[in-house]
Protein backbone atom coordinates (compact mmCIF):
# COMPACT_ATOMS: atom_id res chain seq x y z
CA UNK A 1 -20.74 -31.77 7.92
CA UNK A 2 -19.38 -28.26 8.42
CA UNK A 3 -18.32 -25.80 5.73
CA UNK A 4 -15.33 -23.91 7.12
CA UNK A 5 -14.95 -21.53 4.19
CA UNK A 6 -18.59 -20.38 4.20
CA UNK A 7 -19.54 -20.28 7.87
CA UNK A 8 -17.96 -19.70 11.24
CA UNK A 9 -15.45 -22.15 12.63
CA UNK A 10 -12.74 -21.80 15.22
CA UNK A 11 -10.05 -21.13 12.59
CA UNK A 12 -11.69 -17.79 11.87
CA UNK A 13 -10.41 -16.58 15.23
CA UNK A 14 -6.99 -16.39 13.56
CA UNK A 15 -8.34 -13.57 11.40
CA UNK A 16 -9.82 -11.51 14.22
CA UNK A 17 -6.70 -9.50 15.23
CA UNK A 18 -5.94 -8.70 11.59
CA UNK A 19 -9.53 -7.61 10.97
CA UNK A 20 -9.47 -5.29 13.99
CA UNK A 21 -6.12 -3.79 12.97
CA UNK A 22 -7.39 -3.27 9.40
CA UNK A 23 -10.48 -1.48 10.70
CA UNK A 24 -8.34 0.74 12.92
CA UNK A 25 -5.93 1.48 10.05
CA UNK A 26 -8.70 2.48 7.65
CA UNK A 27 -10.28 4.74 10.25
CA UNK A 28 -6.89 6.25 11.14
CA UNK A 29 -5.93 7.10 7.57
CA UNK A 30 -9.35 8.59 6.83
CA UNK A 31 -9.43 10.73 9.98
CA UNK A 32 -5.80 11.89 9.70
CA UNK A 33 -6.16 12.74 6.02
CA UNK A 34 -9.44 14.57 6.70
CA UNK A 35 -7.81 16.55 9.51
CA UNK A 36 -4.75 17.74 7.62
CA UNK A 37 -6.42 18.13 4.25
CA UNK A 38 -8.08 21.17 5.83
CA UNK A 39 -4.78 22.71 6.98
CA UNK A 40 -3.06 24.85 4.34
CA UNK A 41 0.72 24.87 4.22
CA UNK A 42 2.47 28.22 4.56
CA UNK A 43 4.36 28.00 1.26
CA UNK A 44 1.09 27.99 -0.67
CA UNK A 45 2.34 25.18 -2.91
CA UNK A 46 -0.15 22.63 -4.23
CA UNK A 47 0.46 18.92 -4.39
CA UNK A 48 1.30 19.14 -8.08
CA UNK A 49 3.64 22.11 -7.46
CA UNK A 50 5.56 20.19 -4.81
CA UNK A 51 5.68 17.03 -6.92
CA UNK A 52 7.04 18.96 -9.92
CA UNK A 53 9.69 20.66 -7.80
CA UNK A 54 10.90 17.40 -6.26
CA UNK A 55 10.86 15.56 -9.60
CA UNK A 56 12.89 18.30 -11.26
CA UNK A 57 15.37 18.42 -8.38
CA UNK A 58 15.88 14.68 -8.91
CA UNK A 59 16.40 15.17 -12.65
CA UNK A 60 13.10 13.51 -13.53
CA UNK A 61 11.99 16.28 -15.88
CA UNK A 62 10.37 13.80 -18.25
CA UNK A 63 7.98 12.35 -15.67
CA UNK A 64 4.55 13.96 -16.21
CA UNK A 65 2.04 14.63 -13.46
CA UNK A 66 -1.55 13.69 -14.22
CA UNK A 67 -4.71 14.37 -12.26
CA UNK A 68 -6.93 11.32 -11.71
CA UNK A 69 -10.39 10.89 -10.28
CA UNK A 70 -11.08 9.48 -6.85
CA UNK A 71 -9.97 10.01 -3.29
CA UNK A 72 -6.48 8.84 -2.23
CA UNK A 73 -5.97 7.24 -5.66
CA UNK A 74 -2.48 8.74 -5.90
CA UNK A 75 0.24 6.51 -7.36
CA UNK A 76 3.36 6.36 -9.48
CA UNK A 77 3.18 4.02 -12.47
CA UNK A 78 6.66 2.57 -13.15
CA UNK A 79 5.51 1.12 -16.48
CA UNK A 80 4.41 4.40 -18.06
CA UNK A 81 6.74 6.53 -15.89
CA UNK A 82 3.83 8.78 -14.90
CA UNK A 83 2.90 10.30 -11.56
CA UNK A 84 -0.83 10.41 -10.93
CA UNK A 85 -2.34 12.54 -8.18
CA UNK A 86 -5.96 12.45 -7.02
CA UNK A 87 -8.21 15.47 -7.26
CA UNK A 88 -7.84 16.16 -3.55
CA UNK A 89 -4.04 16.26 -3.79
CA UNK A 90 -3.23 17.66 -7.24
CA UNK A 91 -4.62 21.17 -6.74
CA UNK A 92 -4.74 21.31 -2.94
CA UNK A 93 -2.28 23.33 -0.87
CA UNK A 94 -2.94 21.32 2.29
CA UNK A 95 -0.22 19.73 4.38
CA UNK A 96 -1.78 16.32 3.66
CA UNK A 97 -1.61 16.93 -0.09
CA UNK A 98 2.08 17.82 0.01
CA UNK A 99 2.93 14.79 2.14
CA UNK A 100 1.11 12.42 -0.20
CA UNK A 101 2.54 14.02 -3.34
CA UNK A 102 6.08 13.82 -1.97
CA UNK A 103 5.52 10.17 -1.04
CA UNK A 104 4.51 9.29 -4.59
CA UNK A 105 7.51 11.15 -5.98
CA UNK A 106 9.55 8.98 -3.62
CA UNK A 107 8.41 5.99 -5.68
CA UNK A 108 9.51 7.73 -8.88
CA UNK A 109 12.95 8.29 -7.39
CA UNK A 110 13.06 4.64 -6.27
CA UNK A 111 12.39 3.66 -9.87
CA UNK A 112 15.09 6.02 -11.13
CA UNK A 113 17.63 4.57 -8.69
CA UNK A 114 16.51 0.97 -9.30
CA UNK A 115 15.68 0.45 -5.64
CA UNK A 116 15.88 -3.32 -5.16
CA UNK A 117 12.69 -3.94 -3.12
CA UNK A 118 10.71 -1.99 -5.73
CA UNK A 119 12.20 -4.10 -8.52
CA UNK A 120 11.32 -7.29 -6.61
CA UNK A 121 7.78 -6.05 -6.03
CA UNK A 122 7.39 -5.23 -9.72
CA UNK A 123 8.55 -8.70 -10.70
CA UNK A 124 6.05 -10.24 -8.28
CA UNK A 125 3.01 -8.39 -9.66
CA UNK A 126 1.92 -11.09 -12.18
CA UNK A 127 2.23 -14.04 -9.81
CA UNK A 128 0.73 -12.06 -6.91
CA UNK A 129 -2.24 -11.19 -9.11
CA UNK A 130 -2.74 -14.85 -10.02
CA UNK A 131 -2.39 -15.88 -6.39
CA UNK A 132 -4.88 -13.28 -5.23
CA UNK A 133 -7.44 -14.16 -7.88
CA UNK A 134 -7.15 -17.95 -7.93
CA UNK A 135 -5.21 -19.20 -4.91
CA UNK A 136 -8.11 -19.12 -2.48
CA UNK A 137 -10.53 -20.66 -4.98
CA UNK A 138 -8.19 -23.53 -5.86
CA UNK A 139 -7.68 -24.23 -2.17
CA UNK A 140 -11.45 -24.33 -1.54
CA UNK A 141 -11.91 -26.70 -4.46
CA UNK A 142 -9.20 -28.98 -3.13
CA UNK A 143 -10.68 -28.83 0.36
CA UNK A 144 -14.18 -29.87 -0.64
CA UNK A 145 -13.09 -32.44 -3.19
CA UNK A 146 -10.42 -33.77 -0.81
CA UNK A 147 -7.66 -33.29 -3.39
CA UNK A 148 -4.47 -32.48 -1.43
CA UNK A 149 -2.51 -31.32 -4.48
CA UNK A 150 -5.13 -28.61 -5.16
CA UNK A 151 -4.88 -27.49 -1.56
CA UNK A 152 -1.10 -27.24 -1.86
CA UNK A 153 -1.28 -25.32 -5.15
CA UNK A 154 -3.79 -22.91 -3.62
CA UNK A 155 -1.57 -22.30 -0.62
CA UNK A 156 1.53 -21.75 -2.77
CA UNK A 157 -0.30 -19.27 -4.99
CA UNK A 158 -1.75 -17.41 -2.02
CA UNK A 159 1.72 -17.35 -0.41
CA UNK A 160 2.97 -15.36 -3.41
CA UNK A 161 0.37 -12.70 -2.65
CA UNK A 162 1.44 -12.57 0.99
CA UNK A 163 5.10 -12.27 -0.02
CA UNK A 164 4.14 -9.39 -2.34
CA UNK A 165 2.46 -7.63 0.59
CA UNK A 166 5.55 -8.11 2.74
CA UNK A 167 7.88 -6.75 0.04
CA UNK A 168 5.57 -3.76 -0.30
CA UNK A 169 6.36 -2.67 3.27
CA UNK A 170 9.98 -1.54 2.76
CA UNK A 171 8.99 0.08 -0.54
CA UNK A 172 6.33 2.21 1.16
CA UNK A 173 8.39 2.98 4.26
CA UNK A 174 11.32 4.07 2.12
CA UNK A 175 9.13 6.30 -0.05
CA UNK A 176 7.79 8.01 3.07
CA UNK A 177 11.31 8.48 4.42
CA UNK A 178 12.36 10.06 1.14
CA UNK A 179 9.28 12.27 1.20
CA UNK A 180 10.03 13.66 4.64
CA UNK A 181 13.66 14.29 3.69
CA UNK A 182 12.81 16.35 0.60
CA UNK A 183 9.95 18.23 2.24
CA UNK A 184 12.43 19.40 4.85
CA UNK A 185 15.49 19.67 2.63
CA UNK A 186 13.81 21.83 -0.01
CA UNK A 187 11.99 23.91 2.66
CA UNK A 188 8.61 22.93 1.19
CA UNK A 189 7.19 22.58 4.70
CA UNK A 190 8.26 24.40 7.82
CA UNK A 191 9.45 22.55 10.90
CA UNK A 192 6.12 22.54 12.71
CA UNK A 193 4.35 21.36 9.54
CA UNK A 194 6.62 18.37 9.02
CA UNK A 195 5.20 16.50 12.01
CA UNK A 196 1.69 16.83 10.59
CA UNK A 197 2.79 15.50 7.21
CA UNK A 198 4.53 12.62 8.98
CA UNK A 199 1.27 11.74 10.75
CA UNK A 200 -0.48 11.46 7.39
CA UNK A 201 2.24 9.21 5.97
CA UNK A 202 2.40 7.07 9.12
CA UNK A 203 -1.36 6.53 8.98
CA UNK A 204 -1.09 5.47 5.35
CA UNK A 205 1.77 3.10 6.21
CA UNK A 206 -0.44 1.45 8.80
CA UNK A 207 -2.83 0.30 6.07
CA UNK A 208 0.01 -1.60 4.36
CA UNK A 209 0.97 -3.21 7.65
CA UNK A 210 -2.67 -4.21 8.18
CA UNK A 211 -2.83 -5.71 4.67
CA UNK A 212 0.30 -7.78 5.30
CA UNK A 213 -1.01 -9.01 8.65
CA UNK A 214 -4.32 -9.92 7.03
CA UNK A 215 -2.51 -11.89 4.35
CA UNK A 216 -0.43 -13.76 6.93
CA UNK A 217 -3.53 -14.52 9.01
CA UNK A 218 -5.43 -15.84 5.99
CA UNK A 219 -2.47 -17.99 4.99
CA UNK A 220 -2.25 -19.39 8.53
CA UNK A 221 -5.95 -20.24 8.38
CA UNK A 222 -5.52 -22.12 5.10
CA UNK A 223 -2.74 -24.18 6.67
CA UNK A 224 -4.91 -24.95 9.70
CA UNK A 225 -7.83 -26.03 7.51
CA UNK A 226 -5.60 -28.23 5.38
CA UNK A 227 -4.09 -29.93 8.43
CA UNK A 228 -7.56 -30.64 9.82
CA UNK A 229 -8.45 -32.65 6.73
CA UNK A 230 -5.36 -34.84 6.94
């Protein structure tokens, strides 16, 4: 008897490209961020300065900016309407900090304008969380107990997580596009600095692509394993 979920089997080859891309993406975002977090922008603005300027220009005066612990933990919380910047972005005047801060403000503006993909992603959060936490486990249980309905439920739940990852892509790409537009439009970064900020945002976007590919590959593996047991 072989145990496909706990040891190596040929279906794991499906995951290999996604694993390699994920490793490359993580290395790329770390190296690019490290490179441009050491390059100060000429305006002298910090990440929080730039975020406040862009928020106010968008009429989002009521959105507060909070500093949070961690590295690259920056995010906009649509539930509390708060922008949270990591320690390395909040008070830094690096090109990387301004790019990341502007990207997160892009999410705040998406929320303000009720950007449809963001609304869909928000609605998917509960089911994606359930799918991520329980889908794989239910599938494994169904596989080893030979209960097809459990396998199907597990696959459906895990599919919700994959769909969430796919919907995340246009949300992130759009936020980066907005970020570059305001960094240029408000003369926060000069022309030769914009390309460096774009490299930081492109590297970050690659991690979301890698996550989506990983989800698709894992889903494909579940389908292969289910079909083998039929």
